[in-house]
Structure formats: structure tokens, C-alpha cells
Amino acid sequence: AEEILIKEMPSARILRMDFDTTAGRSAHERLLGAFGRGEYDILLGTQMVAKGLDFPNVTLVGVLSADLSLYANHFRATERTFSLLTQVIGRAGRGNIAGRAVIQTLTPDHDTIRLSAAQDSDTFYAHEIGLRKALLYPPLCDICEIGFSGSAEEKVQADSQKFMHYLFHAFLNTHLPIRVMGPLSASILKVNNRYRYHIIIKCRNDKQLRRQLARILKEFGKKKTRGSAVYVDMNPLGNI
């Protein structure tokens, strides 16, 4: 995108903000200060420039490939996309001059894209909460992820199956309101030479549930062979 801007508008002063350009100490504040003082004409950045910025002279905001975050492997993908787009749209026209926002998308009729462009939070909420109720996702429940990782995929997969067996017997007669999915491979199976599987539990995060999970983890840790690391993450923010 930076290369195209330079080619199409050679006289424009372009400021790029991403992980590379903001790695230094106080780089983020320094670059934003320079843009606010009018030392640059175009601010090009990742999601870090979408929220919380107030520049009265900014009259045009563009979003590239707005569809990408819609299809992330997380039940909050549409919520996050709506939040991001409404935040970005709000960056334009904050002064006395009217602003304009342009959203680049392959799916302009998608409810999330359409409602964010219209800044229609009420309709988006009504649509989203209906889906959450039908599929049983937060805020109607909590999500607990039990993850397994190790260098040997067969061992990780086997350990996740063993843990599932422990779960089944531990919760069989408890009458706790839970739904269990898995074991499943993670959306990105291998990271840093370690294979990853997980079990997803839709539940209510209360003392009884946490007590049962702690007991299962303790028993599982005693009996399983070495090779896999196990973790529990309640209401994970990342992809599940």
C-alpha cells in the first residue's frame, strides 16, 4: 500500500505506522505528534491507528481489505470488525470540515460492513445477540479453552483425548451446565515447532467449575507421561 501511494502521489508526505516503525522507545507518540503538527499528509498504518486518535484536519479515512477480520476463527469476529470500522469511520471529519470514510470490501452487502458504514449499533447488536443466543456464546455463557502443545503431534493428540476422558468422568454426575467440543486441532496447528490441540467448553465460570477443572488438571498431571504442555484459558481473547 505504501509503494502504491508513493507511485500515485509522489508529492505526498507519507507516514507509515506499523510494528517496524514504532519499535523504538516513544516512537508511537513521536510519529503521531508529527502527523498532528501537519508534517505529513497521509497516515498509513495497521489497526494501531484506528482508535483513539483526534486530528481535526483529517477529512478522509480509508480501510483496506475490511473483510479479513470478518473471517477470523473467533465468535467475536463480526463484533471486532464492527468496532474497528466504526472507530475508523469516526476518525474523519472531527473538526469543522465534513469528513468521508471509504471501506474497501469484497462483501459490501454483509450485515457487519453495511451496519458499520451506517453507524447503526442498535441493529448490529440485535442481530449479533440473536446469533449468540442461538449458538450459545458469550455473554450467554463463558468459554473455557483447554490447550495442549508439544513437539510430537501424535503425543499431543493422544494427551488431549486422555484429558477428554477425564472431563467426561469428572462432570458425568455433577449436573453442571456445560457443553464440550473437541479435542480439535488449533486453527494454526503448528507454531514454533510445537503442535497444538484444544478442547472448548461452553460453561458458567463459577467456583464449582473451577474446582472441578483444578482437580482434573492435578490428576491428569500425575498420570500422563511427559511430552505435552497443558493450559487452561477462561474466555480467551485470541482465536479459538
C-alpha atoms as a PDB file:
ATOM      1  CA  ALA A   1       0.000   0.000   0.000  1.00  0.00           C
ATOM      2  CA  GLU A   2       2.854   2.388   0.780  1.00  0.00           C
ATOM      3  CA  GLU A   3       4.511   1.676  -2.552  1.00  0.00           C
ATOM      4  CA  ILE A   4       1.282   2.379  -4.440  1.00  0.00           C
ATOM      5  CA  LEU A   5       0.734   5.645  -2.559  1.00  0.00           C
ATOM      6  CA  ILE A   6       4.259   6.795  -3.354  1.00  0.00           C
ATOM      7  CA  LYS A   7       3.765   5.936  -7.027  1.00  0.00           C
ATOM      8  CA  GLU A   8       0.337   7.551  -7.355  1.00  0.00           C
ATOM      9  CA  MET A   9       1.021  10.620  -5.187  1.00  0.00           C
ATOM     10  CA  PRO A  10       4.776  11.296  -5.348  1.00  0.00           C
ATOM     11  CA  SER A  11       4.472  14.729  -3.742  1.00  0.00           C
ATOM     12  CA  ALA A  12       2.542  13.488  -0.680  1.00  0.00           C
ATOM     13  CA  ARG A  13       4.362  13.163   2.615  1.00  0.00           C
ATOM     14  CA  ILE A  14       3.518   9.651   3.830  1.00  0.00           C
ATOM     15  CA  LEU A  15       3.884   8.422   7.403  1.00  0.00           C
ATOM     16  CA  ARG A  16       3.778   4.660   7.921  1.00  0.00           C
ATOM     17  CA  MET A  17       2.930   3.264  11.349  1.00  0.00           C
ATOM     18  CA  ASP A  18       3.283  -0.443  11.993  1.00  0.00           C
ATOM     19  CA  PHE A  19       5.287  -2.803  14.181  1.00  0.00           C
ATOM     20  CA  ASP A  20       8.551  -1.953  12.397  1.00  0.00           C
ATOM     21  CA  THR A  21       8.290   1.828  12.508  1.00  0.00           C
ATOM     22  CA  THR A  22       7.065   2.023  16.111  1.00  0.00           C
ATOM     23  CA  ALA A  23       9.512  -0.450  17.651  1.00  0.00           C
ATOM     24  CA  GLY A  24      11.674   2.243  19.220  1.00  0.00           C
ATOM     25  CA  ARG A  25      11.058   3.888  22.565  1.00  0.00           C
ATOM     26  CA  SER A  26       8.366   6.605  22.372  1.00  0.00           C
ATOM     27  CA  ALA A  27       8.212   6.104  18.585  1.00  0.00           C
ATOM     28  CA  HIS A  28       4.419   5.826  18.611  1.00  0.00           C
ATOM     29  CA  GLU A  29       3.903   9.159  20.354  1.00  0.00           C
ATOM     30  CA  ARG A  30       6.625  10.870  18.307  1.00  0.00           C
ATOM     31  CA  LEU A  31       5.122   9.828  14.970  1.00  0.00           C
ATOM     32  CA  LEU A  32       1.585  10.752  15.943  1.00  0.00           C
ATOM     33  CA  GLY A  33       2.827  14.115  17.187  1.00  0.00           C
ATOM     34  CA  ALA A  34       4.499  14.778  13.838  1.00  0.00           C
ATOM     35  CA  PHE A  35       1.300  13.901  11.966  1.00  0.00           C
ATOM     36  CA  GLY A  36      -0.756  16.107  14.266  1.00  0.00           C
ATOM     37  CA  ARG A  37       1.557  19.055  13.562  1.00  0.00           C
ATOM     38  CA  GLY A  38       0.951  18.670   9.835  1.00  0.00           C
ATOM     39  CA  GLU A  39       4.406  17.347   8.964  1.00  0.00           C
ATOM     40  CA  TYR A  40       2.800  14.550   6.923  1.00  0.00           C
ATOM     41  CA  ASP A  41      -0.151  14.440   4.521  1.00  0.00           C
ATOM     42  CA  ILE A  42      -1.094  10.746   4.752  1.00  0.00           C
ATOM     43  CA  LEU A  43      -1.010   8.408   7.740  1.00  0.00           C
ATOM     44  CA  LEU A  44      -0.826   4.755   6.668  1.00  0.00           C
ATOM     45  CA  GLY A  45      -0.971   2.152   9.392  1.00  0.00           C
ATOM     46  CA  THR A  46      -2.237  -1.070  10.870  1.00  0.00           C
ATOM     47  CA  GLN A  47      -5.062  -1.285  13.402  1.00  0.00           C
ATOM     48  CA  MET A  48      -2.983   0.762  15.850  1.00  0.00           C
ATOM     49  CA  VAL A  49      -4.099   3.945  14.064  1.00  0.00           C
ATOM     50  CA  ALA A  50      -7.797   3.077  14.097  1.00  0.00           C
ATOM     51  CA  LYS A  51      -8.738   4.020  17.635  1.00  0.00           C
ATOM     52  CA  GLY A  52      -8.497   6.996  19.920  1.00  0.00           C
ATOM     53  CA  LEU A  53      -6.903   9.479  17.532  1.00  0.00           C
ATOM     54  CA  ASP A  54      -8.262  13.018  17.231  1.00  0.00           C
ATOM     55  CA  PHE A  55      -6.934  15.046  14.308  1.00  0.00           C
ATOM     56  CA  PRO A  56      -9.355  17.851  13.292  1.00  0.00           C
ATOM     57  CA  ASN A  57      -7.750  18.293   9.865  1.00  0.00           C
ATOM     58  CA  VAL A  58      -8.300  14.666   8.799  1.00  0.00           C
ATOM     59  CA  THR A  59     -11.194  14.626   6.316  1.00  0.00           C
ATOM     60  CA  LEU A  60     -10.725  11.278   4.563  1.00  0.00           C
ATOM     61  CA  VAL A  61     -10.265   7.811   6.079  1.00  0.00           C
ATOM     62  CA  GLY A  62      -9.895   4.573   4.135  1.00  0.00           C
ATOM     63  CA  VAL A  63      -9.992   0.940   5.267  1.00  0.00           C
ATOM     64  CA  LEU A  64      -8.198  -1.663   3.136  1.00  0.00           C
ATOM     65  CA  SER A  65      -9.446  -5.267   2.965  1.00  0.00           C
ATOM     66  CA  ALA A  66     -12.131  -4.793   5.583  1.00  0.00           C
ATOM     67  CA  ASP A  67     -13.282  -8.393   5.049  1.00  0.00           C
ATOM     68  CA  LEU A  68     -10.155 -10.001   6.507  1.00  0.00           C
ATOM     69  CA  SER A  69     -11.139  -9.697  10.162  1.00  0.00           C
ATOM     70  CA  LEU A  70     -14.677 -10.929   9.441  1.00  0.00           C
ATOM     71  CA  TYR A  71     -13.489 -14.462   8.883  1.00  0.00           C
ATOM     72  CA  ALA A  72     -11.144 -14.878  11.825  1.00  0.00           C
ATOM     73  CA  ASN A  73     -11.640 -18.105  13.739  1.00  0.00           C
ATOM     74  CA  HIS A  74     -13.424 -16.493  16.695  1.00  0.00           C
ATOM     75  CA  PHE A  75     -17.050 -15.962  17.596  1.00  0.00           C
ATOM     76  CA  ARG A  76     -16.314 -12.271  18.175  1.00  0.00           C
ATOM     77  CA  ALA A  77     -15.023 -11.729  14.610  1.00  0.00           C
ATOM     78  CA  THR A  78     -18.044  -9.710  13.468  1.00  0.00           C
ATOM     79  CA  GLU A  79     -18.134  -7.739  16.723  1.00  0.00           C
ATOM     80  CA  ARG A  80     -14.459  -6.816  16.415  1.00  0.00           C
ATOM     81  CA  THR A  81     -14.868  -5.874  12.750  1.00  0.00           C
ATOM     82  CA  PHE A  82     -17.858  -3.658  13.541  1.00  0.00           C
ATOM     83  CA  SER A  83     -15.976  -1.999  16.395  1.00  0.00           C
ATOM     84  CA  LEU A  84     -12.873  -1.420  14.259  1.00  0.00           C
ATOM     85  CA  LEU A  85     -14.792   0.024  11.314  1.00  0.00           C
ATOM     86  CA  THR A  86     -16.935   2.347  13.416  1.00  0.00           C
ATOM     87  CA  GLN A  87     -13.807   3.561  15.197  1.00  0.00           C
ATOM     88  CA  VAL A  88     -12.026   4.183  11.893  1.00  0.00           C
ATOM     89  CA  ILE A  89     -15.007   5.962  10.387  1.00  0.00           C
ATOM     90  CA  GLY A  90     -15.080   8.196  13.459  1.00  0.00           C
ATOM     91  CA  ARG A  91     -11.537   9.439  12.726  1.00  0.00           C
ATOM     92  CA  ALA A  92     -12.723  11.546   9.749  1.00  0.00           C
ATOM     93  CA  GLY A  93     -14.419  14.911   9.990  1.00  0.00           C
ATOM     94  CA  ARG A  94     -13.679  15.574  13.655  1.00  0.00           C
ATOM     95  CA  GLY A  95     -13.112  19.291  13.011  1.00  0.00           C
ATOM     96  CA  ASN A  96     -15.220  21.917  11.304  1.00  0.00           C
ATOM     97  CA  ILE A  97     -14.794  20.355   7.853  1.00  0.00           C
ATOM     98  CA  ALA A  98     -17.054  17.452   6.868  1.00  0.00           C
ATOM     99  CA  GLY A  99     -15.326  14.087   6.585  1.00  0.00           C
ATOM    100  CA  ARG A 100     -15.673  10.977   4.481  1.00  0.00           C
ATOM    101  CA  ALA A 101     -14.831   7.309   5.026  1.00  0.00           C
ATOM    102  CA  VAL A 102     -14.231   4.714   2.301  1.00  0.00           C
ATOM    103  CA  ILE A 103     -14.367   0.988   3.099  1.00  0.00           C
ATOM    104  CA  GLN A 104     -12.748  -1.406   0.620  1.00  0.00           C
ATOM    105  CA  THR A 105     -14.601  -4.716   0.747  1.00  0.00           C
ATOM    106  CA  LEU A 106     -15.485  -7.707  -1.390  1.00  0.00           C
ATOM    107  CA  THR A 107     -18.754  -8.139   0.514  1.00  0.00           C
ATOM    108  CA  PRO A 108     -20.446  -4.720   0.654  1.00  0.00           C
ATOM    109  CA  ASP A 109     -23.808  -6.335   1.462  1.00  0.00           C
ATOM    110  CA  HIS A 110     -22.524  -8.147   4.539  1.00  0.00           C
ATOM    111  CA  ASP A 111     -24.565  -7.012   7.552  1.00  0.00           C
ATOM    112  CA  THR A 112     -21.466  -6.078   9.548  1.00  0.00           C
ATOM    113  CA  ILE A 113     -19.998  -3.951   6.747  1.00  0.00           C
ATOM    114  CA  ARG A 114     -23.320  -2.332   5.923  1.00  0.00           C
ATOM    115  CA  LEU A 115     -24.281  -1.540   9.524  1.00  0.00           C
ATOM    116  CA  SER A 116     -20.837  -0.238  10.466  1.00  0.00           C
ATOM    117  CA  ALA A 117     -20.899   2.090   7.454  1.00  0.00           C
ATOM    118  CA  ALA A 118     -24.284   3.347   8.666  1.00  0.00           C
ATOM    119  CA  GLN A 119     -23.035   3.538  12.291  1.00  0.00           C
ATOM    120  CA  ASP A 120     -26.126   1.520  13.265  1.00  0.00           C
ATOM    121  CA  SER A 121     -25.077  -0.007  16.591  1.00  0.00           C
ATOM    122  CA  ASP A 122     -28.590  -0.912  17.727  1.00  0.00           C
ATOM    123  CA  THR A 123     -29.399  -3.056  14.696  1.00  0.00           C
ATOM    124  CA  PHE A 124     -25.989  -4.716  14.802  1.00  0.00           C
ATOM    125  CA  TYR A 125     -26.438  -5.581  18.479  1.00  0.00           C
ATOM    126  CA  ALA A 126     -29.908  -7.046  17.912  1.00  0.00           C
ATOM    127  CA  HIS A 127     -28.582  -9.212  15.076  1.00  0.00           C
ATOM    128  CA  GLU A 128     -25.446 -10.308  16.921  1.00  0.00           C
ATOM    129  CA  ILE A 129     -27.125 -11.124  20.239  1.00  0.00           C
ATOM    130  CA  GLY A 130     -29.644 -13.263  18.371  1.00  0.00           C
ATOM    131  CA  LEU A 131     -26.816 -15.338  16.909  1.00  0.00           C
ATOM    132  CA  ARG A 132     -25.093 -15.614  20.290  1.00  0.00           C
ATOM    133  CA  LYS A 133     -28.293 -16.932  21.875  1.00  0.00           C
ATOM    134  CA  ALA A 134     -28.888 -19.440  19.092  1.00  0.00           C
ATOM    135  CA  LEU A 135     -25.306 -20.772  19.196  1.00  0.00           C
ATOM    136  CA  LEU A 136     -24.760 -20.300  22.957  1.00  0.00           C
ATOM    137  CA  TYR A 137     -21.809 -17.938  23.073  1.00  0.00           C
ATOM    138  CA  PRO A 138     -20.898 -15.128  25.495  1.00  0.00           C
ATOM    139  CA  PRO A 139     -22.465 -13.162  27.051  1.00  0.00           C
ATOM    140  CA  LEU A 140     -24.899 -16.097  27.426  1.00  0.00           C
ATOM    141  CA  CYS A 141     -22.105 -18.321  28.751  1.00  0.00           C
ATOM    142  CA  ASP A 142     -18.363 -18.435  29.347  1.00  0.00           C
ATOM    143  CA  ILE A 143     -15.805 -20.112  27.096  1.00  0.00           C
ATOM    144  CA  CYS A 144     -13.035 -22.228  28.592  1.00  0.00           C
ATOM    145  CA  GLU A 145     -10.190 -23.363  26.365  1.00  0.00           C
ATOM    146  CA  ILE A 146      -8.001 -26.260  27.478  1.00  0.00           C
ATOM    147  CA  GLY A 147      -4.929 -26.276  25.278  1.00  0.00           C
ATOM    148  CA  PHE A 148      -2.238 -28.889  24.627  1.00  0.00           C
ATOM    149  CA  SER A 149       1.063 -28.366  22.857  1.00  0.00           C
ATOM    150  CA  GLY A 150       4.168 -30.414  22.197  1.00  0.00           C
ATOM    151  CA  SER A 151       6.791 -31.347  19.621  1.00  0.00           C
ATOM    152  CA  ALA A 152       5.127 -34.665  18.659  1.00  0.00           C
ATOM    153  CA  GLU A 153       1.669 -34.319  17.145  1.00  0.00           C
ATOM    154  CA  GLU A 154       0.615 -37.891  17.960  1.00  0.00           C
ATOM    155  CA  LYS A 155       1.509 -37.379  21.628  1.00  0.00           C
ATOM    156  CA  VAL A 156      -0.349 -34.051  21.833  1.00  0.00           C
ATOM    157  CA  GLN A 157      -3.419 -35.517  20.190  1.00  0.00           C
ATOM    158  CA  ALA A 158      -3.345 -38.563  22.473  1.00  0.00           C
ATOM    159  CA  ASP A 159      -2.995 -36.399  25.593  1.00  0.00           C
ATOM    160  CA  SER A 160      -5.945 -34.261  24.556  1.00  0.00           C
ATOM    161  CA  GLN A 161      -8.013 -37.427  24.122  1.00  0.00           C
ATOM    162  CA  LYS A 162      -6.949 -38.632  27.578  1.00  0.00           C
ATOM    163  CA  PHE A 163      -7.919 -35.327  29.117  1.00  0.00           C
ATOM    164  CA  MET A 164     -11.304 -35.542  27.408  1.00  0.00           C
ATOM    165  CA  HIS A 165     -11.784 -38.897  29.104  1.00  0.00           C
ATOM    166  CA  TYR A 166     -11.038 -37.294  32.485  1.00  0.00           C
ATOM    167  CA  LEU A 167     -13.503 -34.496  31.740  1.00  0.00           C
ATOM    168  CA  PHE A 168     -16.267 -36.898  30.830  1.00  0.00           C
ATOM    169  CA  HIS A 169     -16.000 -38.867  34.054  1.00  0.00           C
ATOM    170  CA  ALA A 170     -15.485 -35.796  36.256  1.00  0.00           C
ATOM    171  CA  PHE A 171     -18.593 -33.988  35.013  1.00  0.00           C
ATOM    172  CA  LEU A 172     -20.790 -37.019  34.383  1.00  0.00           C
ATOM    173  CA  ASN A 173     -22.840 -36.723  37.572  1.00  0.00           C
ATOM    174  CA  THR A 174     -22.282 -33.085  38.511  1.00  0.00           C
ATOM    175  CA  HIS A 175     -25.223 -31.618  36.551  1.00  0.00           C
ATOM    176  CA  LEU A 176     -23.093 -28.570  35.738  1.00  0.00           C
ATOM    177  CA  PRO A 177     -24.373 -26.695  32.662  1.00  0.00           C
ATOM    178  CA  ILE A 178     -21.533 -27.369  30.215  1.00  0.00           C
ATOM    179  CA  ARG A 179     -21.080 -28.238  26.560  1.00  0.00           C
ATOM    180  CA  VAL A 180     -17.789 -29.722  25.402  1.00  0.00           C
ATOM    181  CA  MET A 181     -16.295 -29.638  21.908  1.00  0.00           C
ATOM    182  CA  GLY A 182     -13.171 -31.457  20.828  1.00  0.00           C
ATOM    183  CA  PRO A 183     -10.418 -32.329  21.039  1.00  0.00           C
ATOM    184  CA  LEU A 184      -9.703 -30.285  17.908  1.00  0.00           C
ATOM    185  CA  SER A 185      -6.533 -29.109  16.237  1.00  0.00           C
ATOM    186  CA  ALA A 186      -5.902 -25.384  16.714  1.00  0.00           C
ATOM    187  CA  SER A 187      -6.655 -23.056  13.812  1.00  0.00           C
ATOM    188  CA  ILE A 188      -2.886 -22.880  13.268  1.00  0.00           C
ATOM    189  CA  LEU A 189      -1.750 -26.405  14.052  1.00  0.00           C
ATOM    190  CA  LYS A 190       1.994 -25.808  14.409  1.00  0.00           C
ATOM    191  CA  VAL A 191       3.701 -22.775  15.963  1.00  0.00           C
ATOM    192  CA  ASN A 192       7.420 -22.635  16.837  1.00  0.00           C
ATOM    193  CA  ASN A 193       7.756 -26.355  16.063  1.00  0.00           C
ATOM    194  CA  ARG A 194       5.032 -27.250  18.561  1.00  0.00           C
ATOM    195  CA  TYR A 195       1.737 -28.888  17.606  1.00  0.00           C
ATOM    196  CA  ARG A 196      -1.418 -27.570  19.234  1.00  0.00           C
ATOM    197  CA  TYR A 197      -4.783 -29.135  20.090  1.00  0.00           C
ATOM    198  CA  HIS A 198      -7.544 -27.872  22.322  1.00  0.00           C
ATOM    199  CA  ILE A 199     -10.836 -28.659  23.996  1.00  0.00           C
ATOM    200  CA  ILE A 200     -13.522 -25.947  24.100  1.00  0.00           C
ATOM    201  CA  ILE A 201     -16.042 -25.874  26.940  1.00  0.00           C
ATOM    202  CA  LYS A 202     -19.123 -23.672  26.973  1.00  0.00           C
ATOM    203  CA  CYS A 203     -19.849 -23.225  30.646  1.00  0.00           C
ATOM    204  CA  ARG A 204     -20.564 -20.939  33.578  1.00  0.00           C
ATOM    205  CA  ASN A 205     -17.374 -19.687  35.208  1.00  0.00           C
ATOM    206  CA  ASP A 206     -18.192 -20.316  38.853  1.00  0.00           C
ATOM    207  CA  LYS A 207     -16.389 -21.828  41.844  1.00  0.00           C
ATOM    208  CA  GLN A 208     -17.747 -25.303  41.258  1.00  0.00           C
ATOM    209  CA  LEU A 209     -16.492 -25.426  37.685  1.00  0.00           C
ATOM    210  CA  ARG A 210     -13.067 -24.054  38.603  1.00  0.00           C
ATOM    211  CA  ARG A 211     -12.770 -26.532  41.451  1.00  0.00           C
ATOM    212  CA  GLN A 212     -13.535 -29.447  39.133  1.00  0.00           C
ATOM    213  CA  LEU A 213     -11.067 -28.253  36.491  1.00  0.00           C
ATOM    214  CA  ALA A 214      -8.331 -27.795  39.093  1.00  0.00           C
ATOM    215  CA  ARG A 215      -8.886 -31.348  40.335  1.00  0.00           C
ATOM    216  CA  ILE A 216      -8.802 -32.784  36.815  1.00  0.00           C
ATOM    217  CA  LEU A 217      -5.604 -30.893  35.978  1.00  0.00           C
ATOM    218  CA  LYS A 218      -3.964 -32.187  39.138  1.00  0.00           C
ATOM    219  CA  GLU A 219      -4.936 -35.803  38.479  1.00  0.00           C
ATOM    220  CA  PHE A 220      -4.038 -35.588  34.810  1.00  0.00           C
ATOM    221  CA  GLY A 221      -0.635 -34.134  35.667  1.00  0.00           C
ATOM    222  CA  LYS A 222       0.115 -37.088  37.924  1.00  0.00           C
ATOM    223  CA  LYS A 223      -0.719 -39.811  35.415  1.00  0.00           C
ATOM    224  CA  LYS A 224       0.161 -38.526  31.986  1.00  0.00           C
ATOM    225  CA  THR A 225       3.602 -39.108  30.523  1.00  0.00           C
ATOM    226  CA  ARG A 226       5.852 -36.192  29.688  1.00  0.00           C
ATOM    227  CA  GLY A 227       5.659 -34.527  26.315  1.00  0.00           C
ATOM    228  CA  SER A 228       2.725 -32.132  26.269  1.00  0.00           C
ATOM    229  CA  ALA A 229       2.168 -28.823  27.996  1.00  0.00           C
ATOM    230  CA  VAL A 230      -1.384 -28.150  29.185  1.00  0.00           C
ATOM    231  CA  TYR A 231      -3.025 -24.806  29.918  1.00  0.00           C
ATOM    232  CA  VAL A 232      -6.493 -23.509  30.749  1.00  0.00           C
ATOM    233  CA  ASP A 233      -7.676 -20.145  29.437  1.00  0.00           C
ATOM    234  CA  MET A 234     -11.068 -18.784  30.511  1.00  0.00           C
ATOM    235  CA  ASN A 235     -12.730 -16.551  27.905  1.00  0.00           C
ATOM    236  CA  PRO A 236      -9.677 -16.399  25.594  1.00  0.00           C
ATOM    237  CA  LEU A 237      -9.261 -13.248  23.542  1.00  0.00           C
ATOM    238  CA  GLY A 238      -7.383 -14.872  20.668  1.00  0.00           C
ATOM    239  CA  ASN A 239      -8.543 -17.277  18.001  1.00  0.00           C
ATOM    240  CA  ILE A 240     -10.106 -20.499  19.246  1.00  0.00           C
END
